[in-house]
N, C-alpha and C. Protein backbone atom coordinates (compact mmCIF):
# COMPACT_ATOMS: atom_id res chain seq x y z
N MET A 1 93.50 79.22 98.31
CA MET A 1 94.56 80.23 98.26
C MET A 1 93.81 81.40 97.49
N GLN A 2 94.44 82.59 97.87
CA GLN A 2 93.81 84.03 97.30
C GLN A 2 94.78 85.02 97.38
N LEU A 3 94.55 86.24 96.60
CA LEU A 3 95.47 87.19 96.64
C LEU A 3 95.19 87.98 97.97
N ALA A 4 96.34 88.49 98.46
CA ALA A 4 96.20 89.48 99.62
C ALA A 4 95.65 90.77 99.07
N ASN A 5 94.85 91.50 99.97
CA ASN A 5 94.40 92.69 99.64
C ASN A 5 95.44 93.78 99.60
N THR A 6 95.03 95.07 99.17
CA THR A 6 96.04 96.08 99.02
C THR A 6 96.48 96.52 100.42
N LYS A 7 95.66 96.56 101.37
CA LYS A 7 96.15 97.09 102.86
C LYS A 7 97.13 95.91 103.32
N THR A 8 96.86 94.77 103.24
CA THR A 8 97.77 93.70 103.75
C THR A 8 99.28 93.74 103.02
N VAL A 9 99.22 93.88 101.66
CA VAL A 9 100.39 93.92 100.89
C VAL A 9 101.13 95.11 101.26
N ARG A 10 100.57 96.21 101.53
CA ARG A 10 101.35 97.39 101.87
C ARG A 10 101.81 97.21 103.18
N LYS A 11 101.18 96.71 104.25
CA LYS A 11 101.71 96.41 105.67
C LYS A 11 103.00 95.49 105.61
N ILE A 12 102.88 94.43 104.77
CA ILE A 12 104.07 93.43 104.58
C ILE A 12 105.27 94.11 104.12
N VAL A 13 105.11 94.77 102.94
CA VAL A 13 106.20 95.39 102.14
C VAL A 13 106.85 96.72 102.96
N ASN A 14 105.97 97.39 103.50
CA ASN A 14 106.39 98.59 104.16
C ASN A 14 107.07 98.29 105.35
N SER A 15 106.85 97.01 106.08
CA SER A 15 107.54 96.74 107.33
C SER A 15 108.90 96.15 106.87
N ILE A 16 109.12 95.72 105.65
CA ILE A 16 110.51 95.41 105.42
C ILE A 16 111.24 96.44 104.63
N LEU A 17 110.66 97.10 103.76
CA LEU A 17 111.31 98.10 102.87
C LEU A 17 111.32 99.55 103.44
N GLY A 18 110.29 99.72 104.59
CA GLY A 18 110.12 101.05 105.01
C GLY A 18 109.22 101.82 103.96
N HIS A 19 108.88 102.87 104.32
CA HIS A 19 107.89 103.68 103.32
C HIS A 19 108.73 104.42 102.31
N SER A 20 109.07 103.70 101.18
CA SER A 20 109.40 104.23 100.05
C SER A 20 108.46 104.83 99.21
N ALA A 21 108.70 105.45 98.12
CA ALA A 21 107.71 105.86 97.04
C ALA A 21 106.97 104.60 96.74
N ALA A 22 105.57 104.72 96.82
CA ALA A 22 104.76 103.69 96.18
C ALA A 22 103.70 104.17 95.37
N TYR A 23 103.42 103.24 94.31
CA TYR A 23 102.32 103.66 93.44
C TYR A 23 101.22 102.64 93.25
N THR A 24 100.03 102.91 92.90
CA THR A 24 98.96 102.06 92.77
C THR A 24 98.24 102.23 91.27
N ASP A 25 98.17 101.33 90.54
CA ASP A 25 97.37 101.17 89.18
C ASP A 25 96.37 100.25 89.39
N ARG A 26 95.30 100.63 88.50
CA ARG A 26 94.09 99.78 88.43
C ARG A 26 94.32 98.58 87.62
N GLY A 27 94.19 97.43 88.05
CA GLY A 27 94.51 96.07 87.15
C GLY A 27 93.12 95.56 86.68
N ALA A 28 93.23 94.41 86.30
CA ALA A 28 91.84 93.70 85.69
C ALA A 28 91.32 92.90 86.75
N ASN A 29 89.98 92.47 86.55
CA ASN A 29 89.22 91.84 87.45
C ASN A 29 89.32 92.04 88.93
N GLY A 30 89.34 93.25 89.35
CA GLY A 30 89.19 93.56 90.69
C GLY A 30 90.63 93.56 91.43
N THR A 31 91.65 93.69 90.59
CA THR A 31 92.98 93.94 91.23
C THR A 31 93.51 95.12 91.15
N ARG A 32 94.56 95.41 92.03
CA ARG A 32 95.34 96.70 91.96
C ARG A 32 96.82 96.04 91.75
N LEU A 33 97.69 96.94 90.95
CA LEU A 33 98.98 96.76 90.77
C LEU A 33 99.65 97.64 91.66
N LEU A 34 100.50 97.23 92.70
CA LEU A 34 101.24 97.90 93.59
C LEU A 34 102.59 97.99 93.27
N ALA A 35 103.45 99.05 93.40
CA ALA A 35 104.63 99.11 93.00
C ALA A 35 105.44 99.95 93.93
N TRP A 36 106.66 99.68 94.44
CA TRP A 36 107.50 100.38 95.30
C TRP A 36 108.81 100.51 94.45
N GLN A 37 109.30 101.99 94.72
CA GLN A 37 110.52 102.43 93.97
C GLN A 37 111.52 102.39 95.02
N CYS A 38 112.50 101.63 94.67
CA CYS A 38 113.63 101.33 95.62
C CYS A 38 114.96 101.78 94.66
N GLY A 39 115.88 102.12 95.36
CA GLY A 39 117.24 102.41 95.00
C GLY A 39 117.85 101.05 94.31
N SER A 40 117.93 100.08 95.09
CA SER A 40 118.28 98.65 94.72
C SER A 40 117.51 97.81 95.75
N ILE A 41 117.51 96.51 95.23
CA ILE A 41 116.79 95.57 96.24
C ILE A 41 117.57 94.32 95.80
N ASP A 42 117.83 93.48 96.85
CA ASP A 42 118.79 92.14 96.68
C ASP A 42 117.56 91.07 96.57
N THR A 43 118.06 90.01 95.95
CA THR A 43 117.23 88.95 95.89
C THR A 43 116.80 88.31 97.13
N ALA A 44 117.49 88.32 98.21
CA ALA A 44 117.21 87.64 99.61
C ALA A 44 115.90 88.63 100.06
N THR A 45 115.99 89.68 99.84
CA THR A 45 114.79 90.69 100.41
C THR A 45 113.57 90.25 99.77
N VAL A 46 113.74 90.14 98.35
CA VAL A 46 112.50 89.68 97.55
C VAL A 46 111.97 88.39 97.87
N LYS A 47 112.83 87.34 98.16
CA LYS A 47 112.59 86.05 98.54
C LYS A 47 111.86 86.14 99.88
N ASN A 48 112.50 86.90 100.80
CA ASN A 48 111.75 87.03 102.09
C ASN A 48 110.31 87.57 102.14
N ILE A 49 110.14 88.55 101.16
CA ILE A 49 108.81 89.14 101.06
C ILE A 49 107.83 87.94 100.53
N GLN A 50 108.25 87.25 99.41
CA GLN A 50 107.46 86.17 98.82
C GLN A 50 107.29 85.12 99.96
N ASP A 51 108.17 84.77 100.60
CA ASP A 51 107.97 83.76 101.62
C ASP A 51 107.15 84.18 102.62
N ILE A 52 106.86 85.49 103.08
CA ILE A 52 105.87 85.65 103.93
C ILE A 52 104.53 85.68 103.35
N PHE A 53 104.33 85.85 102.06
CA PHE A 53 102.99 85.86 101.37
C PHE A 53 102.63 84.36 101.40
N THR A 54 103.62 83.53 101.07
CA THR A 54 103.39 81.95 100.89
C THR A 54 102.86 81.39 102.05
N LEU A 55 103.85 81.95 103.23
CA LEU A 55 103.38 81.25 104.62
C LEU A 55 101.96 81.83 105.18
N ALA A 56 101.52 82.85 104.61
CA ALA A 56 100.20 83.41 105.05
C ALA A 56 99.10 82.88 104.15
N GLY A 57 99.65 82.23 103.29
CA GLY A 57 98.49 81.48 102.29
C GLY A 57 98.06 82.26 101.22
N PHE A 58 98.84 83.32 100.66
CA PHE A 58 98.41 84.23 99.59
C PHE A 58 99.30 83.83 98.40
N THR A 59 98.63 84.19 97.30
CA THR A 59 99.14 83.63 96.00
C THR A 59 99.85 84.86 95.19
N ASN A 60 99.88 85.85 96.02
CA ASN A 60 100.73 87.19 95.33
C ASN A 60 102.07 86.92 94.93
N ARG A 61 102.38 87.25 93.71
CA ARG A 61 103.56 87.20 93.09
C ARG A 61 104.25 88.35 92.88
N ILE A 62 105.61 88.45 93.07
CA ILE A 62 106.36 89.55 93.00
C ILE A 62 107.28 89.77 91.71
N LYS A 63 107.35 90.91 90.97
CA LYS A 63 108.12 91.03 89.90
C LYS A 63 108.98 92.19 90.03
N VAL A 64 110.15 92.09 89.90
CA VAL A 64 111.26 93.18 90.11
C VAL A 64 111.70 93.66 88.66
N THR A 65 111.53 94.83 88.48
CA THR A 65 111.91 95.64 87.28
C THR A 65 112.85 96.74 87.59
N THR A 66 113.74 97.13 86.44
CA THR A 66 114.61 98.25 86.61
C THR A 66 114.58 98.97 85.26
N SER A 67 114.51 100.41 85.56
CA SER A 67 114.37 101.48 84.56
C SER A 67 116.05 101.64 84.21
N GLU A 68 116.22 101.98 83.00
CA GLU A 68 117.58 102.29 82.51
C GLU A 68 118.08 103.72 83.04
N TYR A 69 119.19 103.95 83.46
CA TYR A 69 119.67 105.21 83.84
C TYR A 69 120.05 106.01 82.62
N ASN A 70 119.65 107.28 82.65
CA ASN A 70 119.99 108.29 81.64
C ASN A 70 121.01 109.29 82.14
N SER A 71 122.16 109.27 81.98
CA SER A 71 123.11 110.11 82.63
C SER A 71 122.95 111.56 82.10
N LEU A 72 122.52 111.74 80.72
CA LEU A 72 122.31 113.00 80.36
C LEU A 72 121.21 113.78 81.07
N ALA A 73 120.07 113.16 81.22
CA ALA A 73 119.05 113.75 82.00
C ALA A 73 119.06 113.54 83.50
N ARG A 74 120.09 112.55 83.87
CA ARG A 74 120.29 112.34 85.38
C ARG A 74 119.02 111.77 85.94
N SER A 75 118.45 110.87 85.25
CA SER A 75 117.17 110.34 85.75
C SER A 75 117.20 108.73 85.50
N GLY A 76 116.25 107.99 86.06
CA GLY A 76 116.29 106.66 86.03
C GLY A 76 117.10 105.71 86.78
N GLY A 77 117.25 104.44 86.40
CA GLY A 77 118.03 103.63 87.31
C GLY A 77 117.49 103.19 88.53
N TRP A 78 116.22 103.39 88.65
CA TRP A 78 115.28 102.71 89.74
C TRP A 78 115.02 101.40 89.60
N THR A 79 114.91 100.56 90.80
CA THR A 79 114.42 99.23 90.67
C THR A 79 112.94 99.43 91.28
N TYR A 80 112.14 98.55 90.65
CA TYR A 80 110.65 98.80 91.21
C TYR A 80 110.42 97.29 91.59
N LEU A 81 109.57 97.09 92.57
CA LEU A 81 108.99 96.00 93.19
C LEU A 81 107.65 96.05 92.96
N ARG A 82 107.02 95.05 92.09
CA ARG A 82 105.64 95.08 91.57
C ARG A 82 104.77 93.83 92.26
N ILE A 83 103.64 94.11 92.71
CA ILE A 83 102.99 92.99 93.19
C ILE A 83 101.47 93.28 92.91
N ASN A 84 100.71 92.16 92.31
CA ASN A 84 99.43 92.22 92.22
C ASN A 84 98.62 92.01 93.54
N ALA A 85 97.47 92.88 93.80
CA ALA A 85 96.78 92.57 94.99
C ALA A 85 95.22 92.62 94.81
N SER A 86 94.71 92.17 95.77
CA SER A 86 93.01 92.09 95.41
C SER A 86 92.73 93.59 96.00
N PHE A 87 91.61 93.96 95.42
CA PHE A 87 91.00 95.31 95.88
C PHE A 87 89.85 95.03 96.71
N LYS A 88 89.45 93.74 96.86
CA LYS A 88 88.33 93.44 97.71
C LYS A 88 88.82 93.32 99.13
N GLU A 89 88.07 93.79 99.99
CA GLU A 89 88.26 93.74 101.48
C GLU A 89 88.25 92.45 102.05
C-alpha cells in the first residue's frame, strides 16, 4: 500500500467537491500536504472520499479542520479538507 500522488488526489477530490480553493504545502519525506477550502463538509462526503482511497489501495488519510469565525473582521469560519500525498510520480 502506498500514498496516492498529488495528481491522483486532486482528481479524486475535485470530482467530488468540485474545483474549490486548493492549497499545496511541502511536507516531509517527499510528500505534499494538499488542502481544500470548503464552506462546510459533511462526514458522509469525507467517508466517501476516504473509501475511494482505500478501495484503490492507497493509504492517504483525511483530516478535517475548521477555522474560527471572526465576526468583527468578517473572516474565517472555513472548513478545510487536508490530505497527505506523495510527490513522486
